[in-house]
C-alpha atoms as a PDB file:
ATOM      1  CA  MET A   1     -13.623 -11.117  23.684  1.00  0.00           C
ATOM      2  CA  VAL A   2     -15.795  -8.479  25.255  1.00  0.00           C
ATOM      3  CA  ASP A   3     -19.125  -7.503  23.731  1.00  0.00           C
ATOM      4  CA  THR A   4     -18.773  -4.222  21.826  1.00  0.00           C
ATOM      5  CA  PRO A   5     -21.434  -1.477  21.895  1.00  0.00           C
ATOM      6  CA  SER A   6     -22.441   0.421  18.778  1.00  0.00           C
ATOM      7  CA  HIS A   7     -19.685   2.581  17.341  1.00  0.00           C
ATOM      8  CA  VAL A   8     -18.316   4.029  14.109  1.00  0.00           C
ATOM      9  CA  HIS A   9     -14.745   3.914  12.798  1.00  0.00           C
ATOM     10  CA  GLN A  10     -13.535   6.905  10.829  1.00  0.00           C
ATOM     11  CA  ASN A  11     -10.465   5.131   9.446  1.00  0.00           C
ATOM     12  CA  GLU A  12     -10.907   1.336   9.399  1.00  0.00           C
ATOM     13  CA  ASP A  13     -13.122  -1.314   7.887  1.00  0.00           C
ATOM     14  CA  GLU A  14     -13.600  -4.365  10.141  1.00  0.00           C
ATOM     15  CA  LEU A  15     -14.188  -7.991   9.227  1.00  0.00           C
ATOM     16  CA  PHE A  16     -15.413 -10.298  11.988  1.00  0.00           C
ATOM     17  CA  TYR A  17     -14.919 -14.050  11.574  1.00  0.00           C
ATOM     18  CA  VAL A  18     -16.626 -16.291  14.132  1.00  0.00           C
ATOM     19  CA  LEU A  19     -14.298 -18.954  15.536  1.00  0.00           C
ATOM     20  CA  GLU A  20     -16.507 -20.248  18.380  1.00  0.00           C
ATOM     21  CA  GLY A  21     -19.963 -19.652  19.793  1.00  0.00           C
ATOM     22  CA  GLU A  22     -22.857 -17.634  18.452  1.00  0.00           C
ATOM     23  CA  HIS A  23     -22.641 -13.885  17.987  1.00  0.00           C
ATOM     24  CA  VAL A  24     -25.095 -11.186  17.006  1.00  0.00           C
ATOM     25  CA  PHE A  25     -23.746  -8.397  14.827  1.00  0.00           C
ATOM     26  CA  GLU A  26     -25.564  -5.195  14.059  1.00  0.00           C
ATOM     27  CA  VAL A  27     -24.272  -3.361  10.997  1.00  0.00           C
ATOM     28  CA  GLY A  28     -26.016  -0.291   9.644  1.00  0.00           C
ATOM     29  CA  GLY A  29     -29.248  -1.155  11.439  1.00  0.00           C
ATOM     30  CA  GLU A  30     -29.371  -4.775  10.210  1.00  0.00           C
ATOM     31  CA  GLU A  31     -28.871  -7.655  12.629  1.00  0.00           C
ATOM     32  CA  PHE A  32     -27.071 -10.924  11.837  1.00  0.00           C
ATOM     33  CA  ARG A  33     -26.797 -13.996  14.096  1.00  0.00           C
ATOM     34  CA  LEU A  34     -23.741 -16.036  13.161  1.00  0.00           C
ATOM     35  CA  GLY A  35     -21.989 -19.176  14.333  1.00  0.00           C
ATOM     36  CA  PRO A  36     -18.559 -20.678  13.602  1.00  0.00           C
ATOM     37  CA  GLY A  37     -17.428 -19.971  10.058  1.00  0.00           C
ATOM     38  CA  GLY A  38     -19.740 -16.986   9.691  1.00  0.00           C
ATOM     39  CA  PHE A  39     -18.461 -13.509   9.042  1.00  0.00           C
ATOM     40  CA  ALA A  40     -19.738  -9.940   9.146  1.00  0.00           C
ATOM     41  CA  PHE A  41     -18.327  -6.795   7.579  1.00  0.00           C
ATOM     42  CA  GLY A  42     -18.361  -3.423   9.351  1.00  0.00           C
ATOM     43  CA  PRO A  43     -17.345  -0.748   6.854  1.00  0.00           C
ATOM     44  CA  ARG A  44     -15.847   2.497   8.104  1.00  0.00           C
ATOM     45  CA  GLY A  45     -18.467   5.183   8.644  1.00  0.00           C
ATOM     46  CA  ILE A  46     -21.261   2.666   9.332  1.00  0.00           C
ATOM     47  CA  PRO A  47     -22.429   2.025  12.918  1.00  0.00           C
ATOM     48  CA  HIS A  48     -21.797  -1.539  14.078  1.00  0.00           C
ATOM     49  CA  ALA A  49     -21.820  -3.601  17.270  1.00  0.00           C
ATOM     50  CA  GLN A  50     -21.425  -7.209  18.361  1.00  0.00           C
ATOM     51  CA  ARG A  51     -22.487  -9.343  21.304  1.00  0.00           C
ATOM     52  CA  ARG A  52     -22.235 -12.987  22.237  1.00  0.00           C
ATOM     53  CA  VAL A  53     -25.494 -14.936  22.430  1.00  0.00           C
ATOM     54  CA  VAL A  54     -24.258 -16.750  25.554  1.00  0.00           C
ATOM     55  CA  PRO A  55     -22.357 -14.266  27.742  1.00  0.00           C
ATOM     56  CA  GLY A  56     -18.712 -15.230  28.150  1.00  0.00           C
ATOM     57  CA  GLN A  57     -18.774 -17.856  25.399  1.00  0.00           C
ATOM     58  CA  GLY A  58     -17.349 -17.374  21.925  1.00  0.00           C
ATOM     59  CA  ARG A  59     -14.284 -16.168  20.079  1.00  0.00           C
ATOM     60  CA  LEU A  60     -13.802 -13.931  17.066  1.00  0.00           C
ATOM     61  CA  LEU A  61     -11.003 -13.173  14.670  1.00  0.00           C
ATOM     62  CA  ILE A  62     -11.145  -9.484  13.798  1.00  0.00           C
ATOM     63  CA  LEU A  63      -9.309  -7.978  10.837  1.00  0.00           C
ATOM     64  CA  THR A  64      -9.007  -4.218  10.293  1.00  0.00           C
ATOM     65  CA  VAL A  65      -7.979  -2.415   7.133  1.00  0.00           C
ATOM     66  CA  PRO A  66      -5.847  -0.391   6.925  1.00  0.00           C
ATOM     67  CA  GLY A  67      -3.466  -1.653   9.600  1.00  0.00           C
ATOM     68  CA  GLY A  68      -2.505   0.253  12.714  1.00  0.00           C
ATOM     69  CA  PHE A  69      -5.656  -0.145  14.769  1.00  0.00           C
ATOM     70  CA  ASP A  70      -3.760  -2.407  17.169  1.00  0.00           C
ATOM     71  CA  GLY A  71      -2.450   0.879  18.617  1.00  0.00           C
ATOM     72  CA  PHE A  72      -5.892   1.465  20.157  1.00  0.00           C
ATOM     73  CA  PHE A  73      -5.527  -1.688  22.233  1.00  0.00           C
ATOM     74  CA  ARG A  74      -1.879  -0.969  23.012  1.00  0.00           C
ATOM     75  CA  ASP A  75      -2.893   2.427  24.412  1.00  0.00           C
ATOM     76  CA  LEU A  76      -5.502   0.772  26.626  1.00  0.00           C
ATOM     77  CA  VAL A  77      -3.007  -1.842  27.854  1.00  0.00           C
ATOM     78  CA  ALA A  78      -0.546   0.949  28.670  1.00  0.00           C
ATOM     79  CA  ALA A  79      -3.245   2.792  30.634  1.00  0.00           C
ATOM     80  CA  ASP A  80      -4.066  -0.426  32.495  1.00  0.00           C
ATOM     81  CA  THR A  81      -0.379  -0.967  33.309  1.00  0.00           C
ATOM     82  CA  GLU A  82      -0.167   2.614  34.604  1.00  0.00           C
ATOM     83  CA  GLY A  83      -3.330   2.152  36.678  1.00  0.00           C
ATOM     84  CA  THR A  84      -5.245   4.784  34.682  1.00  0.00           C
ATOM     85  CA  LEU A  85      -7.582   2.556  32.665  1.00  0.00           C
ATOM     86  CA  GLY A  86     -11.048   4.035  32.829  1.00  0.00           C
ATOM     87  CA  PRO A  87     -13.452   6.261  30.910  1.00  0.00           C
ATOM     88  CA  GLU A  88     -10.826   8.944  30.223  1.00  0.00           C
ATOM     89  CA  ALA A  89      -8.364   6.409  28.768  1.00  0.00           C
ATOM     90  CA  TYR A  90     -11.120   5.088  26.492  1.00  0.00           C
ATOM     91  CA  ARG A  91     -12.076   8.638  25.415  1.00  0.00           C
ATOM     92  CA  THR A  92      -8.456   9.510  24.654  1.00  0.00           C
ATOM     93  CA  ALA A  93      -7.743   6.321  22.691  1.00  0.00           C
ATOM     94  CA  SER A  94     -11.056   6.581  20.837  1.00  0.00           C
ATOM     95  CA  ALA A  95     -10.357  10.162  19.777  1.00  0.00           C
ATOM     96  CA  LYS A  96      -6.818   9.256  18.700  1.00  0.00           C
ATOM     97  CA  PHE A  97      -8.029   6.339  16.544  1.00  0.00           C
ATOM     98  CA  GLY A  98     -11.199   7.923  15.108  1.00  0.00           C
ATOM     99  CA  ILE A  99     -13.842   5.941  17.016  1.00  0.00           C
ATOM    100  CA  THR A 100     -17.201   7.453  17.901  1.00  0.00           C
ATOM    101  CA  TRP A 101     -19.242   5.481  20.473  1.00  0.00           C
ATOM    102  CA  LEU A 102     -23.006   5.744  19.983  1.00  0.00           C
END
């Protein structure tokens, strides 16, 4: 899992469930430090971000509602396979799936 900078989803709510490690979540300007078993909710339209306390350590289970957001990651994998993964691929996928990076 890569740390995720602050962003807003137009279409999805996200639920983050901590499987391993310690993570810091920022949701709507509030910060939460959570360990295994903890969860944070990132509602659509509200800025949120997450980072691992110890870089490279930790795992999350992330649920999005409604479904379909997996297409964002599929688009990025396709760009990587084609050798075009970079800022433009992220901009295109973000626009397609209603993500605004802050």
